[in-house]
């Protein structure tokens, strides 16, 4: 059946086909929900909160955790901490949190601020990450932090070489670190073996 209403043509055969597909999807969704509910209700599944951030020790842990070679977990918060601009932290499997570094603790936040992503542990045993903003030019940084909490800014973006990293770093087989930025492209940072 075709109907024309003021320059609008509606083919109800097509609408009926779409409706059938929606009904099918609805049934499939019910099956998915039932399967998901069954998985959640399965015995021996325990959820334990290890730590709750209160702002002074960081807040908004956007990046994932990594399990380091020492068996502890390391991560970042994108805000909070002593400088209000994010932290790097370590947490034990039992839930003891140690703030290793609070960003924006240097004048004009030249150490960076707002690490939106997690860390990687490179082959040298240190952790590497990025901050979205701050640094010498306000466009973000690449940093290295030791397991003991000593932070070194390796690079401050200046908008001509990239700006505002929003993707994690990776270590290539050549030992160098690579990542992308929101503005202007791909960055490479030489590993400690090259510096």
Protein backbone atom coordinates (compact mmCIF):
# COMPACT_ATOMS: atom_id res chain seq x y z
CA UNK A 1 0.00 0.00 0.00
CA UNK A 2 1.34 3.42 -0.93
CA UNK A 3 -0.04 6.65 0.49
CA UNK A 4 1.03 10.15 -0.43
CA UNK A 5 0.56 12.93 2.10
CA UNK A 6 1.65 16.40 0.95
CA UNK A 7 4.83 15.45 -0.85
CA UNK A 8 5.64 12.64 1.62
CA UNK A 9 5.44 9.09 0.32
CA UNK A 10 5.15 6.26 2.82
CA UNK A 11 5.57 2.65 1.76
CA UNK A 12 3.83 0.69 4.52
CA UNK A 13 5.23 -2.60 3.19
CA UNK A 14 8.67 -1.35 4.18
CA UNK A 15 7.43 -0.08 7.55
CA UNK A 16 5.84 -3.47 8.22
CA UNK A 17 9.18 -5.20 7.45
CA UNK A 18 11.03 -2.86 9.82
CA UNK A 19 8.38 -3.52 12.49
CA UNK A 20 8.87 -7.28 12.12
CA UNK A 21 12.63 -6.81 12.56
CA UNK A 22 12.07 -4.71 15.68
CA UNK A 23 9.80 -7.38 17.17
CA UNK A 24 12.50 -9.99 16.44
CA UNK A 25 15.14 -7.79 18.07
CA UNK A 26 12.88 -7.29 21.06
CA UNK A 27 12.59 -11.07 21.50
CA UNK A 28 16.34 -11.45 21.12
CA UNK A 29 16.86 -8.74 23.74
CA UNK A 30 14.66 -10.61 26.19
CA UNK A 31 16.76 -13.73 25.68
CA UNK A 32 19.93 -11.68 26.19
CA UNK A 33 18.55 -10.12 29.37
CA UNK A 34 17.54 -13.52 30.73
CA UNK A 35 21.01 -14.92 29.98
CA UNK A 36 22.69 -11.88 31.57
CA UNK A 37 20.48 -12.10 34.65
CA UNK A 38 21.31 -15.79 34.99
CA UNK A 39 25.02 -15.03 34.78
CA UNK A 40 24.78 -12.34 37.46
CA UNK A 41 22.76 -14.59 39.74
CA UNK A 42 25.23 -17.46 39.41
CA UNK A 43 26.77 -18.53 42.72
CA UNK A 44 30.40 -17.84 43.68
CA UNK A 45 30.48 -14.40 42.08
CA UNK A 46 31.67 -11.85 44.61
CA UNK A 47 32.13 -8.13 44.03
CA UNK A 48 34.39 -6.36 46.50
CA UNK A 49 35.12 -2.64 46.55
CA UNK A 50 38.81 -2.33 47.33
CA UNK A 51 38.94 1.46 47.66
CA UNK A 52 36.73 4.53 47.31
CA UNK A 53 38.39 7.78 46.25
CA UNK A 54 37.43 10.83 48.32
CA UNK A 55 38.97 13.56 46.15
CA UNK A 56 42.00 14.24 48.34
CA UNK A 57 43.59 11.04 47.02
CA UNK A 58 42.21 11.55 43.51
CA UNK A 59 38.89 11.21 41.74
CA UNK A 60 37.57 10.05 38.37
CA UNK A 61 39.84 7.07 37.67
CA UNK A 62 39.14 6.98 33.90
CA UNK A 63 42.12 4.91 32.84
CA UNK A 64 42.26 1.23 33.57
CA UNK A 65 44.51 -0.44 36.08
CA UNK A 66 47.61 -2.37 35.15
CA UNK A 67 49.11 -5.13 37.23
CA UNK A 68 52.80 -4.43 37.52
CA UNK A 69 55.65 -6.86 37.86
CA UNK A 70 55.63 -6.28 41.65
CA UNK A 71 52.07 -7.68 41.85
CA UNK A 72 50.42 -4.36 42.73
CA UNK A 73 48.03 -2.39 40.54
CA UNK A 74 48.84 1.08 39.17
CA UNK A 75 46.56 3.69 37.67
CA UNK A 76 45.66 7.36 37.34
CA UNK A 77 42.83 9.65 38.32
CA UNK A 78 42.01 12.56 36.03
CA UNK A 79 41.20 14.96 38.86
CA UNK A 80 41.54 15.36 42.59
CA UNK A 81 44.70 14.87 44.60
CA UNK A 82 46.78 17.56 46.29
CA UNK A 83 46.91 19.73 43.15
CA UNK A 84 43.31 19.00 42.13
CA UNK A 85 44.45 17.87 38.69
CA UNK A 86 44.84 14.11 38.99
CA UNK A 87 47.13 11.53 40.50
CA UNK A 88 49.18 8.42 39.85
CA UNK A 89 48.46 5.75 42.43
CA UNK A 90 49.37 2.23 43.47
CA UNK A 91 46.90 -0.12 45.10
CA UNK A 92 47.64 -3.54 46.56
CA UNK A 93 45.34 -6.51 45.86
CA UNK A 94 44.17 -6.11 49.49
CA UNK A 95 43.08 -2.48 48.85
CA UNK A 96 45.85 -0.34 50.37
CA UNK A 97 46.18 2.77 48.19
CA UNK A 98 49.32 4.90 47.95
CA UNK A 99 49.27 8.16 46.01
CA UNK A 100 52.58 8.23 44.15
CA UNK A 101 52.18 11.66 42.55
CA UNK A 102 49.71 14.55 42.43
CA UNK A 103 49.74 16.54 39.19
CA UNK A 104 49.90 20.32 39.00
CA UNK A 105 52.23 20.33 41.99
CA UNK A 106 54.73 22.49 40.10
CA UNK A 107 54.31 26.17 39.22
CA UNK A 108 51.93 26.70 36.26
CA UNK A 109 51.33 22.93 36.13
CA UNK A 110 54.43 22.34 34.02
CA UNK A 111 54.38 18.74 35.28
CA UNK A 112 51.03 18.29 33.50
CA UNK A 113 47.46 17.91 34.62
CA UNK A 114 44.46 15.68 34.01
CA UNK A 115 45.87 12.27 33.07
CA UNK A 116 42.82 10.89 31.27
CA UNK A 117 44.32 7.47 30.57
CA UNK A 118 46.08 4.67 32.35
CA UNK A 119 49.72 3.77 32.49
CA UNK A 120 51.96 1.24 30.82
CA UNK A 121 54.90 -0.46 32.47
CA UNK A 122 57.79 -0.47 30.04
CA UNK A 123 60.59 -2.99 29.85
CA UNK A 124 62.77 -0.73 32.03
CA UNK A 125 60.32 -1.27 34.93
CA UNK A 126 59.10 2.34 34.99
CA UNK A 127 55.59 3.53 34.21
CA UNK A 128 54.71 5.88 31.37
CA UNK A 129 51.61 7.92 30.69
CA UNK A 130 50.21 11.16 29.35
CA UNK A 131 48.36 14.18 30.68
CA UNK A 132 45.63 15.83 28.63
CA UNK A 133 46.66 19.36 29.55
CA UNK A 134 49.27 21.29 31.47
CA UNK A 135 52.96 21.06 30.73
CA UNK A 136 55.21 23.87 29.58
CA UNK A 137 52.77 24.83 26.80
CA UNK A 138 49.42 23.81 28.30
CA UNK A 139 48.82 21.13 25.65
CA UNK A 140 49.64 18.01 27.67
CA UNK A 141 52.67 15.91 28.48
CA UNK A 142 54.28 12.50 28.26
CA UNK A 143 55.71 11.44 31.61
CA UNK A 144 57.72 8.69 33.24
CA UNK A 145 57.18 7.73 36.87
CA UNK A 146 59.22 5.26 38.88
CA UNK A 147 57.51 2.68 41.11
CA UNK A 148 58.66 4.87 44.02
CA UNK A 149 56.88 7.96 42.68
CA UNK A 150 59.59 10.08 41.05
CA UNK A 151 57.99 11.81 38.04
CA UNK A 152 59.93 13.05 35.02
CA UNK A 153 58.23 15.03 32.25
CA UNK A 154 59.62 13.61 29.01
CA UNK A 155 57.78 15.88 26.59
CA UNK A 156 55.45 18.88 26.68
CA UNK A 157 53.27 19.19 23.59
CA UNK A 158 53.15 22.62 21.95
CA UNK A 159 50.30 22.18 19.44
CA UNK A 160 52.66 22.05 16.46
CA UNK A 161 53.86 18.57 17.46
CA UNK A 162 50.55 17.41 18.89
CA UNK A 163 48.19 18.44 21.64
CA UNK A 164 45.98 16.86 24.28
CA UNK A 165 46.76 13.12 24.24
CA UNK A 166 43.59 11.03 24.46
CA UNK A 167 44.96 7.55 23.72
CA UNK A 168 47.31 5.38 25.70
CA UNK A 169 50.96 4.78 24.98
CA UNK A 170 52.38 1.54 23.62
CA UNK A 171 55.94 0.29 23.67
CA UNK A 172 57.14 -1.02 20.33
CA UNK A 173 59.73 -3.74 19.80
CA UNK A 174 62.34 -1.02 19.20
CA UNK A 175 61.82 0.05 22.84
CA UNK A 176 60.34 3.44 21.98
CA UNK A 177 56.92 4.60 23.14
CA UNK A 178 54.23 5.65 20.69
CA UNK A 179 50.91 7.39 21.11
CA UNK A 180 48.44 9.72 19.46
CA UNK A 181 47.10 13.12 20.37
CA UNK A 182 43.70 14.72 19.95
CA UNK A 183 45.30 17.54 17.99
CA UNK A 184 47.98 17.11 15.36
CA UNK A 185 48.86 13.44 15.24
CA UNK A 186 51.25 10.71 16.34
CA UNK A 187 54.08 11.07 18.84
CA UNK A 188 57.15 8.97 19.56
CA UNK A 189 59.17 9.20 22.75
CA UNK A 190 62.57 7.58 22.93
CA UNK A 191 62.90 4.97 25.63
CA UNK A 192 65.59 5.27 28.29
CA UNK A 193 67.96 3.18 26.18
CA UNK A 194 67.94 5.92 23.52
CA UNK A 195 68.26 8.96 25.77
